[in-house]
ModelCIF file with pLDDT and N, C-alpha, C, O atoms, coordinates in Angstrom:
data_MODEL
#
_entry.id   MODEL 
#
_entity.id                         1 
_entity.type                       polymer 
_entity.pdbx_number_of_molecules   1 
#
_entity_poly.entity_id                      1 
_entity_poly.type                           'polypeptide(L)' 
_entity_poly.nstd_linkage                   no 
_entity_poly.nstd_monomer                   no 
_entity_poly.pdbx_seq_one_letter_code       VMSDPDVALEVHAREERGVDPESVGDPIGAATSSFGAFGVGAIL 
_entity_poly.pdbx_seq_one_letter_code_can   VMSDPDVALEVHAREERGVDPESVGDPIGAATSSFGAFGVGAIL 
_entity_poly.pdbx_strand_id                 A 
#
loop_
_entity_poly_seq.entity_id 
_entity_poly_seq.num 
_entity_poly_seq.mon_id 
_entity_poly_seq.hetero 
1 1  VAL n 
1 2  MET n 
1 3  SER n 
1 4  ASP n 
1 5  PRO n 
1 6  ASP n 
1 7  VAL n 
1 8  ALA n 
1 9  LEU n 
1 10 GLU n 
1 11 VAL n 
1 12 HIS n 
1 13 ALA n 
1 14 ARG n 
1 15 GLU n 
1 16 GLU n 
1 17 ARG n 
1 18 GLY n 
1 19 VAL n 
1 20 ASP n 
1 21 PRO n 
1 22 GLU n 
1 23 SER n 
1 24 VAL n 
1 25 GLY n 
1 26 ASP n 
1 27 PRO n 
1 28 ILE n 
1 29 GLY n 
1 30 ALA n 
1 31 ALA n 
1 32 THR n 
1 33 SER n 
1 34 SER n 
1 35 PHE n 
1 36 GLY n 
1 37 ALA n 
1 38 PHE n 
1 39 GLY n 
1 40 VAL n 
1 41 GLY n 
1 42 ALA n 
1 43 ILE n 
1 44 LEU n 
#
_struct_asym.id          A 
_struct_asym.entity_id   1 
#
loop_
_ma_qa_metric.id 
_ma_qa_metric.mode 
_ma_qa_metric.name 
_ma_qa_metric.software_group_id 
_ma_qa_metric.type 
1 global pLDDT . pLDDT 
2 local  pLDDT . pLDDT 
#
_ma_qa_metric_global.metric_id      1 
_ma_qa_metric_global.metric_value   91.11 
_ma_qa_metric_global.model_id       1 
_ma_qa_metric_global.ordinal_id     1 
#
loop_
_ma_qa_metric_local.label_asym_id 
_ma_qa_metric_local.label_comp_id 
_ma_qa_metric_local.label_seq_id 
_ma_qa_metric_local.metric_id 
_ma_qa_metric_local.metric_value 
_ma_qa_metric_local.model_id 
_ma_qa_metric_local.ordinal_id 
A VAL 1  2 94.00 1 1  
A MET 2  2 94.00 1 2  
A SER 3  2 93.00 1 3  
A ASP 4  2 93.00 1 4  
A PRO 5  2 91.00 1 5  
A ASP 6  2 90.00 1 6  
A VAL 7  2 92.00 1 7  
A ALA 8  2 93.00 1 8  
A LEU 9  2 92.00 1 9  
A GLU 10 2 91.00 1 10 
A VAL 11 2 92.00 1 11 
A HIS 12 2 90.00 1 12 
A ALA 13 2 90.00 1 13 
A ARG 14 2 90.00 1 14 
A GLU 15 2 89.00 1 15 
A GLU 16 2 86.00 1 16 
A ARG 17 2 85.00 1 17 
A GLY 18 2 85.00 1 18 
A VAL 19 2 85.00 1 19 
A ASP 20 2 85.00 1 20 
A PRO 21 2 81.00 1 21 
A GLU 22 2 81.00 1 22 
A SER 23 2 80.00 1 23 
A VAL 24 2 81.00 1 24 
A GLY 25 2 86.00 1 25 
A ASP 26 2 92.00 1 26 
A PRO 27 2 95.00 1 27 
A ILE 28 2 96.00 1 28 
A GLY 29 2 95.00 1 29 
A ALA 30 2 95.00 1 30 
A ALA 31 2 96.00 1 31 
A THR 32 2 96.00 1 32 
A SER 33 2 95.00 1 33 
A SER 34 2 96.00 1 34 
A PHE 35 2 96.00 1 35 
A GLY 36 2 96.00 1 36 
A ALA 37 2 94.00 1 37 
A PHE 38 2 94.00 1 38 
A GLY 39 2 95.00 1 39 
A VAL 40 2 94.00 1 40 
A GLY 41 2 92.00 1 41 
A ALA 42 2 93.00 1 42 
A ILE 43 2 95.00 1 43 
A LEU 44 2 95.00 1 44 
#
loop_
_atom_site.group_PDB 
_atom_site.id 
_atom_site.type_symbol 
_atom_site.label_atom_id 
_atom_site.label_alt_id 
_atom_site.label_comp_id 
_atom_site.label_asym_id 
_atom_site.label_entity_id 
_atom_site.label_seq_id 
_atom_site.pdbx_PDB_ins_code 
_atom_site.Cartn_x 
_atom_site.Cartn_y 
_atom_site.Cartn_z 
_atom_site.occupancy 
_atom_site.B_iso_or_equiv 
_atom_site.pdbx_formal_charge 
_atom_site.auth_seq_id 
_atom_site.auth_comp_id 
_atom_site.auth_asym_id 
_atom_site.auth_atom_id 
_atom_site.pdbx_PDB_model_num 
ATOM 1   N N  . VAL A 1 1  ? 27.777  13.725 -9.715  1.00 94.00 ? 1  VAL A N  1 
ATOM 2   C CA . VAL A 1 1  ? 26.372  13.385 -9.950  1.00 94.00 ? 1  VAL A CA 1 
ATOM 3   C C  . VAL A 1 1  ? 26.158  13.035 -11.418 1.00 94.00 ? 1  VAL A C  1 
ATOM 4   O O  . VAL A 1 1  ? 25.468  12.065 -11.733 1.00 94.00 ? 1  VAL A O  1 
ATOM 5   N N  . MET A 1 2  ? 26.740  13.812 -12.303 1.00 94.00 ? 2  MET A N  1 
ATOM 6   C CA . MET A 1 2  ? 26.541  13.616 -13.741 1.00 94.00 ? 2  MET A CA 1 
ATOM 7   C C  . MET A 1 2  ? 27.199  12.342 -14.256 1.00 94.00 ? 2  MET A C  1 
ATOM 8   O O  . MET A 1 2  ? 26.868  11.890 -15.353 1.00 94.00 ? 2  MET A O  1 
ATOM 9   N N  . SER A 1 3  ? 28.114  11.753 -13.504 1.00 93.00 ? 3  SER A N  1 
ATOM 10  C CA . SER A 1 3  ? 28.808  10.552 -13.973 1.00 93.00 ? 3  SER A CA 1 
ATOM 11  C C  . SER A 1 3  ? 27.891  9.324  -14.027 1.00 93.00 ? 3  SER A C  1 
ATOM 12  O O  . SER A 1 3  ? 28.201  8.356  -14.722 1.00 93.00 ? 3  SER A O  1 
ATOM 13  N N  . ASP A 1 4  ? 26.794  9.352  -13.318 1.00 93.00 ? 4  ASP A N  1 
ATOM 14  C CA . ASP A 1 4  ? 25.828  8.244  -13.352 1.00 93.00 ? 4  ASP A CA 1 
ATOM 15  C C  . ASP A 1 4  ? 24.506  8.790  -13.891 1.00 93.00 ? 4  ASP A C  1 
ATOM 16  O O  . ASP A 1 4  ? 23.854  9.592  -13.222 1.00 93.00 ? 4  ASP A O  1 
ATOM 17  N N  . PRO A 1 5  ? 24.098  8.362  -15.102 1.00 91.00 ? 5  PRO A N  1 
ATOM 18  C CA . PRO A 1 5  ? 22.890  8.930  -15.721 1.00 91.00 ? 5  PRO A CA 1 
ATOM 19  C C  . PRO A 1 5  ? 21.624  8.796  -14.866 1.00 91.00 ? 5  PRO A C  1 
ATOM 20  O O  . PRO A 1 5  ? 20.794  9.705  -14.851 1.00 91.00 ? 5  PRO A O  1 
ATOM 21  N N  . ASP A 1 6  ? 21.468  7.678  -14.160 1.00 90.00 ? 6  ASP A N  1 
ATOM 22  C CA . ASP A 1 6  ? 20.272  7.503  -13.324 1.00 90.00 ? 6  ASP A CA 1 
ATOM 23  C C  . ASP A 1 6  ? 20.270  8.467  -12.139 1.00 90.00 ? 6  ASP A C  1 
ATOM 24  O O  . ASP A 1 6  ? 19.248  9.072  -11.815 1.00 90.00 ? 6  ASP A O  1 
ATOM 25  N N  . VAL A 1 7  ? 21.423  8.596  -11.506 1.00 92.00 ? 7  VAL A N  1 
ATOM 26  C CA . VAL A 1 7  ? 21.552  9.538  -10.385 1.00 92.00 ? 7  VAL A CA 1 
ATOM 27  C C  . VAL A 1 7  ? 21.364  10.964 -10.893 1.00 92.00 ? 7  VAL A C  1 
ATOM 28  O O  . VAL A 1 7  ? 20.694  11.775 -10.252 1.00 92.00 ? 7  VAL A O  1 
ATOM 29  N N  . ALA A 1 8  ? 21.954  11.265 -12.040 1.00 93.00 ? 8  ALA A N  1 
ATOM 30  C CA . ALA A 1 8  ? 21.833  12.616 -12.601 1.00 93.00 ? 8  ALA A CA 1 
ATOM 31  C C  . ALA A 1 8  ? 20.372  12.959 -12.844 1.00 93.00 ? 8  ALA A C  1 
ATOM 32  O O  . ALA A 1 8  ? 19.929  14.057 -12.507 1.00 93.00 ? 8  ALA A O  1 
ATOM 33  N N  . LEU A 1 9  ? 19.616  12.027 -13.430 1.00 92.00 ? 9  LEU A N  1 
ATOM 34  C CA . LEU A 1 9  ? 18.198  12.286 -13.698 1.00 92.00 ? 9  LEU A CA 1 
ATOM 35  C C  . LEU A 1 9  ? 17.439  12.528 -12.395 1.00 92.00 ? 9  LEU A C  1 
ATOM 36  O O  . LEU A 1 9  ? 16.651  13.468 -12.295 1.00 92.00 ? 9  LEU A O  1 
ATOM 37  N N  . GLU A 1 10 ? 17.676  11.688 -11.412 1.00 91.00 ? 10 GLU A N  1 
ATOM 38  C CA . GLU A 1 10 ? 16.966  11.831 -10.134 1.00 91.00 ? 10 GLU A CA 1 
ATOM 39  C C  . GLU A 1 10 ? 17.319  13.144 -9.448  1.00 91.00 ? 10 GLU A C  1 
ATOM 40  O O  . GLU A 1 10 ? 16.431  13.844 -8.961  1.00 91.00 ? 10 GLU A O  1 
ATOM 41  N N  . VAL A 1 11 ? 18.601  13.484 -9.403  1.00 92.00 ? 11 VAL A N  1 
ATOM 42  C CA . VAL A 1 11 ? 19.034  14.706 -8.724  1.00 92.00 ? 11 VAL A CA 1 
ATOM 43  C C  . VAL A 1 11 ? 18.521  15.945 -9.462  1.00 92.00 ? 11 VAL A C  1 
ATOM 44  O O  . VAL A 1 11 ? 18.029  16.882 -8.833  1.00 92.00 ? 11 VAL A O  1 
ATOM 45  N N  . HIS A 1 12 ? 18.632  15.952 -10.781 1.00 90.00 ? 12 HIS A N  1 
ATOM 46  C CA . HIS A 1 12 ? 18.134  17.101 -11.552 1.00 90.00 ? 12 HIS A CA 1 
ATOM 47  C C  . HIS A 1 12 ? 16.622  17.244 -11.396 1.00 90.00 ? 12 HIS A C  1 
ATOM 48  O O  . HIS A 1 12 ? 16.113  18.358 -11.272 1.00 90.00 ? 12 HIS A O  1 
ATOM 49  N N  . ALA A 1 13 ? 15.908  16.129 -11.400 1.00 90.00 ? 13 ALA A N  1 
ATOM 50  C CA . ALA A 1 13 ? 14.450  16.195 -11.233 1.00 90.00 ? 13 ALA A CA 1 
ATOM 51  C C  . ALA A 1 13 ? 14.096  16.813 -9.882  1.00 90.00 ? 13 ALA A C  1 
ATOM 52  O O  . ALA A 1 13 ? 13.185  17.636 -9.788  1.00 90.00 ? 13 ALA A O  1 
ATOM 53  N N  . ARG A 1 14 ? 14.812  16.417 -8.851  1.00 90.00 ? 14 ARG A N  1 
ATOM 54  C CA . ARG A 1 14 ? 14.544  16.961 -7.511  1.00 90.00 ? 14 ARG A CA 1 
ATOM 55  C C  . ARG A 1 14 ? 14.957  18.426 -7.404  1.00 90.00 ? 14 ARG A C  1 
ATOM 56  O O  . ARG A 1 14 ? 14.188  19.267 -6.940  1.00 90.00 ? 14 ARG A O  1 
ATOM 57  N N  . GLU A 1 15 ? 16.179  18.717 -7.840  1.00 89.00 ? 15 GLU A N  1 
ATOM 58  C CA . GLU A 1 15 ? 16.750  20.042 -7.634  1.00 89.00 ? 15 GLU A CA 1 
ATOM 59  C C  . GLU A 1 15 ? 16.166  21.102 -8.555  1.00 89.00 ? 15 GLU A C  1 
ATOM 60  O O  . GLU A 1 15 ? 15.906  22.223 -8.118  1.00 89.00 ? 15 GLU A O  1 
ATOM 61  N N  . GLU A 1 16 ? 15.957  20.766 -9.815  1.00 86.00 ? 16 GLU A N  1 
ATOM 62  C CA . GLU A 1 16 ? 15.502  21.766 -10.780 1.00 86.00 ? 16 GLU A CA 1 
ATOM 63  C C  . GLU A 1 16 ? 13.983  21.821 -10.892 1.00 86.00 ? 16 GLU A C  1 
ATOM 64  O O  . GLU A 1 16 ? 13.413  22.896 -11.082 1.00 86.00 ? 16 GLU A O  1 
ATOM 65  N N  . ARG A 1 17 ? 13.341  20.697 -10.778 1.00 85.00 ? 17 ARG A N  1 
ATOM 66  C CA . ARG A 1 17 ? 11.903  20.639 -11.042 1.00 85.00 ? 17 ARG A CA 1 
ATOM 67  C C  . ARG A 1 17 ? 11.067  20.372 -9.796  1.00 85.00 ? 17 ARG A C  1 
ATOM 68  O O  . ARG A 1 17 ? 9.838   20.437 -9.843  1.00 85.00 ? 17 ARG A O  1 
ATOM 69  N N  . GLY A 1 18 ? 11.728  20.074 -8.685  1.00 85.00 ? 18 GLY A N  1 
ATOM 70  C CA . GLY A 1 18 ? 10.988  19.798 -7.460  1.00 85.00 ? 18 GLY A CA 1 
ATOM 71  C C  . GLY A 1 18 ? 10.184  18.519 -7.526  1.00 85.00 ? 18 GLY A C  1 
ATOM 72  O O  . GLY A 1 18 ? 9.158   18.389 -6.859  1.00 85.00 ? 18 GLY A O  1 
ATOM 73  N N  . VAL A 1 19 ? 10.646  17.569 -8.334  1.00 85.00 ? 19 VAL A N  1 
ATOM 74  C CA . VAL A 1 19 ? 9.928   16.316 -8.538  1.00 85.00 ? 19 VAL A CA 1 
ATOM 75  C C  . VAL A 1 19 ? 10.697  15.187 -7.868  1.00 85.00 ? 19 VAL A C  1 
ATOM 76  O O  . VAL A 1 19 ? 11.902  15.040 -8.073  1.00 85.00 ? 19 VAL A O  1 
ATOM 77  N N  . ASP A 1 20 ? 10.001  14.397 -7.072  1.00 85.00 ? 20 ASP A N  1 
ATOM 78  C CA . ASP A 1 20 ? 10.605  13.230 -6.447  1.00 85.00 ? 20 ASP A CA 1 
ATOM 79  C C  . ASP A 1 20 ? 10.123  11.989 -7.188  1.00 85.00 ? 20 ASP A C  1 
ATOM 80  O O  . ASP A 1 20 ? 8.980   11.571 -7.005  1.00 85.00 ? 20 ASP A O  1 
ATOM 81  N N  . PRO A 1 21 ? 10.976  11.389 -8.025  1.00 81.00 ? 21 PRO A N  1 
ATOM 82  C CA . PRO A 1 21 ? 10.552  10.232 -8.805  1.00 81.00 ? 21 PRO A CA 1 
ATOM 83  C C  . PRO A 1 21 ? 10.080  9.058  -7.940  1.00 81.00 ? 21 PRO A C  1 
ATOM 84  O O  . PRO A 1 21 ? 9.292   8.227  -8.392  1.00 81.00 ? 21 PRO A O  1 
ATOM 85  N N  . GLU A 1 22 ? 10.558  8.995  -6.717  1.00 81.00 ? 22 GLU A N  1 
ATOM 86  C CA . GLU A 1 22 ? 10.198  7.882  -5.831  1.00 81.00 ? 22 GLU A CA 1 
ATOM 87  C C  . GLU A 1 22 ? 8.858   8.091  -5.114  1.00 81.00 ? 22 GLU A C  1 
ATOM 88  O O  . GLU A 1 22 ? 8.324   7.162  -4.509  1.00 81.00 ? 22 GLU A O  1 
ATOM 89  N N  . SER A 1 23 ? 8.318   9.315  -5.184  1.00 80.00 ? 23 SER A N  1 
ATOM 90  C CA . SER A 1 23 ? 7.120   9.615  -4.397  1.00 80.00 ? 23 SER A CA 1 
ATOM 91  C C  . SER A 1 23 ? 5.821   9.311  -5.127  1.00 80.00 ? 23 SER A C  1 
ATOM 92  O O  . SER A 1 23 ? 4.741   9.485  -4.564  1.00 80.00 ? 23 SER A O  1 
ATOM 93  N N  . VAL A 1 24 ? 5.910   8.864  -6.362  1.00 81.00 ? 24 VAL A N  1 
ATOM 94  C CA . VAL A 1 24 ? 4.702   8.610  -7.133  1.00 81.00 ? 24 VAL A CA 1 
ATOM 95  C C  . VAL A 1 24 ? 4.023   7.359  -6.601  1.00 81.00 ? 24 VAL A C  1 
ATOM 96  O O  . VAL A 1 24 ? 4.642   6.305  -6.457  1.00 81.00 ? 24 VAL A O  1 
ATOM 97  N N  . GLY A 1 25 ? 2.741   7.499  -6.316  1.00 86.00 ? 25 GLY A N  1 
ATOM 98  C CA . GLY A 1 25 ? 1.986   6.383  -5.774  1.00 86.00 ? 25 GLY A CA 1 
ATOM 99  C C  . GLY A 1 25 ? 1.438   5.466  -6.847  1.00 86.00 ? 25 GLY A C  1 
ATOM 100 O O  . GLY A 1 25 ? 1.549   5.734  -8.044  1.00 86.00 ? 25 GLY A O  1 
ATOM 101 N N  . ASP A 1 26 ? 0.844   4.381  -6.389  1.00 92.00 ? 26 ASP A N  1 
ATOM 102 C CA . ASP A 1 26 ? 0.210   3.405  -7.262  1.00 92.00 ? 26 ASP A CA 1 
ATOM 103 C C  . ASP A 1 26 ? -1.276  3.741  -7.357  1.00 92.00 ? 26 ASP A C  1 
ATOM 104 O O  . ASP A 1 26 ? -1.976  3.665  -6.346  1.00 92.00 ? 26 ASP A O  1 
ATOM 105 N N  . PRO A 1 27 ? -1.781  4.107  -8.529  1.00 95.00 ? 27 PRO A N  1 
ATOM 106 C CA . PRO A 1 27 ? -3.187  4.505  -8.650  1.00 95.00 ? 27 PRO A CA 1 
ATOM 107 C C  . PRO A 1 27 ? -4.172  3.409  -8.210  1.00 95.00 ? 27 PRO A C  1 
ATOM 108 O O  . PRO A 1 27 ? -5.174  3.702  -7.557  1.00 95.00 ? 27 PRO A O  1 
ATOM 109 N N  . ILE A 1 28 ? -3.889  2.164  -8.563  1.00 96.00 ? 28 ILE A N  1 
ATOM 110 C CA . ILE A 1 28 ? -4.787  1.062  -8.185  1.00 96.00 ? 28 ILE A CA 1 
ATOM 111 C C  . ILE A 1 28 ? -4.768  0.872  -6.665  1.00 96.00 ? 28 ILE A C  1 
ATOM 112 O O  . ILE A 1 28 ? -5.816  0.707  -6.041  1.00 96.00 ? 28 ILE A O  1 
ATOM 113 N N  . GLY A 1 29 ? -3.584  0.896  -6.085  1.00 95.00 ? 29 GLY A N  1 
ATOM 114 C CA . GLY A 1 29 ? -3.473  0.750  -4.637  1.00 95.00 ? 29 GLY A CA 1 
ATOM 115 C C  . GLY A 1 29 ? -4.168  1.880  -3.897  1.00 95.00 ? 29 GLY A C  1 
ATOM 116 O O  . GLY A 1 29 ? -4.841  1.654  -2.892  1.00 95.00 ? 29 GLY A O  1 
ATOM 117 N N  . ALA A 1 30 ? -3.999  3.109  -4.404  1.00 95.00 ? 30 ALA A N  1 
ATOM 118 C CA . ALA A 1 30 ? -4.639  4.262  -3.775  1.00 95.00 ? 30 ALA A CA 1 
ATOM 119 C C  . ALA A 1 30 ? -6.156  4.163  -3.874  1.00 95.00 ? 30 ALA A C  1 
ATOM 120 O O  . ALA A 1 30 ? -6.867  4.458  -2.913  1.00 95.00 ? 30 ALA A O  1 
ATOM 121 N N  . ALA A 1 31 ? -6.649  3.744  -5.042  1.00 96.00 ? 31 ALA A N  1 
ATOM 122 C CA . ALA A 1 31 ? -8.094  3.602  -5.233  1.00 96.00 ? 31 ALA A CA 1 
ATOM 123 C C  . ALA A 1 31 ? -8.657  2.520  -4.327  1.00 96.00 ? 31 ALA A C  1 
ATOM 124 O O  . ALA A 1 31 ? -9.722  2.693  -3.734  1.00 96.00 ? 31 ALA A O  1 
ATOM 125 N N  . THR A 1 32 ? -7.949  1.407  -4.219  1.00 96.00 ? 32 THR A N  1 
ATOM 126 C CA . THR A 1 32 ? -8.405  0.305  -3.370  1.00 96.00 ? 32 THR A CA 1 
ATOM 127 C C  . THR A 1 32 ? -8.443  0.725  -1.908  1.00 96.00 ? 32 THR A C  1 
ATOM 128 O O  . THR A 1 32 ? -9.407  0.435  -1.199  1.00 96.00 ? 32 THR A O  1 
ATOM 129 N N  . SER A 1 33 ? -7.403  1.403  -1.461  1.00 95.00 ? 33 SER A N  1 
ATOM 130 C CA . SER A 1 33 ? -7.357  1.877  -0.076  1.00 95.00 ? 33 SER A CA 1 
ATOM 131 C C  . SER A 1 33 ? -8.485  2.862  0.209   1.00 95.00 ? 33 SER A C  1 
ATOM 132 O O  . SER A 1 33 ? -9.128  2.794  1.256   1.00 95.00 ? 33 SER A O  1 
ATOM 133 N N  . SER A 1 34 ? -8.720  3.770  -0.723  1.00 96.00 ? 34 SER A N  1 
ATOM 134 C CA . SER A 1 34 ? -9.771  4.752  -0.550  1.00 96.00 ? 34 SER A CA 1 
ATOM 135 C C  . SER A 1 34 ? -11.139 4.085  -0.492  1.00 96.00 ? 34 SER A C  1 
ATOM 136 O O  . SER A 1 34 ? -11.971 4.437  0.344   1.00 96.00 ? 34 SER A O  1 
ATOM 137 N N  . PHE A 1 35 ? -11.371 3.125  -1.379  1.00 96.00 ? 35 PHE A N  1 
ATOM 138 C CA . PHE A 1 35 ? -12.634 2.380  -1.389  1.00 96.00 ? 35 PHE A CA 1 
ATOM 139 C C  . PHE A 1 35 ? -12.841 1.688  -0.044  1.00 96.00 ? 35 PHE A C  1 
ATOM 140 O O  . PHE A 1 35 ? -13.920 1.767  0.543   1.00 96.00 ? 35 PHE A O  1 
ATOM 141 N N  . GLY A 1 36 ? -11.804 1.013  0.435   1.00 96.00 ? 36 GLY A N  1 
ATOM 142 C CA . GLY A 1 36 ? -11.902 0.285  1.696   1.00 96.00 ? 36 GLY A CA 1 
ATOM 143 C C  . GLY A 1 36 ? -12.126 1.194  2.890   1.00 96.00 ? 36 GLY A C  1 
ATOM 144 O O  . GLY A 1 36 ? -12.968 0.911  3.743   1.00 96.00 ? 36 GLY A O  1 
ATOM 145 N N  . ALA A 1 37 ? -11.379 2.279  2.952   1.00 94.00 ? 37 ALA A N  1 
ATOM 146 C CA . ALA A 1 37 ? -11.520 3.204  4.080   1.00 94.00 ? 37 ALA A CA 1 
ATOM 147 C C  . ALA A 1 37 ? -12.911 3.829  4.105   1.00 94.00 ? 37 ALA A C  1 
ATOM 148 O O  . ALA A 1 37 ? -13.535 3.928  5.162   1.00 94.00 ? 37 ALA A O  1 
ATOM 149 N N  . PHE A 1 38 ? -13.392 4.248  2.940   1.00 94.00 ? 38 PHE A N  1 
ATOM 150 C CA . PHE A 1 38 ? -14.730 4.828  2.877   1.00 94.00 ? 38 PHE A CA 1 
ATOM 151 C C  . PHE A 1 38 ? -15.773 3.783  3.262   1.00 94.00 ? 38 PHE A C  1 
ATOM 152 O O  . PHE A 1 38 ? -16.705 4.070  4.012   1.00 94.00 ? 38 PHE A O  1 
ATOM 153 N N  . GLY A 1 39 ? -15.606 2.569  2.739   1.00 95.00 ? 39 GLY A N  1 
ATOM 154 C CA . GLY A 1 39 ? -16.560 1.498  3.035   1.00 95.00 ? 39 GLY A CA 1 
ATOM 155 C C  . GLY A 1 39 ? -16.649 1.196  4.517   1.00 95.00 ? 39 GLY A C  1 
ATOM 156 O O  . GLY A 1 39 ? -17.748 1.060  5.054   1.00 95.00 ? 39 GLY A O  1 
ATOM 157 N N  . VAL A 1 40 ? -15.520 1.089  5.181   1.00 94.00 ? 40 VAL A N  1 
ATOM 158 C CA . VAL A 1 40 ? -15.518 0.814  6.625   1.00 94.00 ? 40 VAL A CA 1 
ATOM 159 C C  . VAL A 1 40 ? -16.177 1.967  7.377   1.00 94.00 ? 40 VAL A C  1 
ATOM 160 O O  . VAL A 1 40 ? -17.007 1.758  8.261   1.00 94.00 ? 40 VAL A O  1 
ATOM 161 N N  . GLY A 1 41 ? -15.790 3.193  7.007   1.00 92.00 ? 41 GLY A N  1 
ATOM 162 C CA . GLY A 1 41 ? -16.374 4.354  7.675   1.00 92.00 ? 41 GLY A CA 1 
ATOM 163 C C  . GLY A 1 41 ? -17.872 4.465  7.468   1.00 92.00 ? 41 GLY A C  1 
ATOM 164 O O  . GLY A 1 41 ? -18.589 4.939  8.350   1.00 92.00 ? 41 GLY A O  1 
ATOM 165 N N  . ALA A 1 42 ? -18.348 4.034  6.314   1.00 93.00 ? 42 ALA A N  1 
ATOM 166 C CA . ALA A 1 42 ? -19.777 4.146  6.022   1.00 93.00 ? 42 ALA A CA 1 
ATOM 167 C C  . ALA A 1 42 ? -20.592 2.989  6.604   1.00 93.00 ? 42 ALA A C  1 
ATOM 168 O O  . ALA A 1 42 ? -21.772 3.164  6.906   1.00 93.00 ? 42 ALA A O  1 
ATOM 169 N N  . ILE A 1 43 ? -19.993 1.829  6.762   1.00 95.00 ? 43 ILE A N  1 
ATOM 170 C CA . ILE A 1 43 ? -20.764 0.674  7.262   1.00 95.00 ? 43 ILE A CA 1 
ATOM 171 C C  . ILE A 1 43 ? -20.965 0.744  8.776   1.00 95.00 ? 43 ILE A C  1 
ATOM 172 O O  . ILE A 1 43 ? -21.978 0.264  9.284   1.00 95.00 ? 43 ILE A O  1 
ATOM 173 N N  . LEU A 1 44 ? -20.027 1.329  9.493   1.00 95.00 ? 44 LEU A N  1 
ATOM 174 C CA . LEU A 1 44 ? -20.123 1.335  10.961  1.00 95.00 ? 44 LEU A CA 1 
ATOM 175 C C  . LEU A 1 44 ? -21.436 1.927  11.481  1.00 95.00 ? 44 LEU A C  1 
ATOM 176 O O  . LEU A 1 44 ? -21.646 1.993  12.692  1.00 95.00 ? 44 LEU A O  1 
#
């Protein structure tokens, strides 16, 4: 694992810190989706 710095960072982040670097969402996308979902639910 340590032989590849990118893999090492990802594995250490997951194993030691419980952080999944790939799970971070897009704030703009999340905000847009939330706006749209609320809007549809409220207009009906």
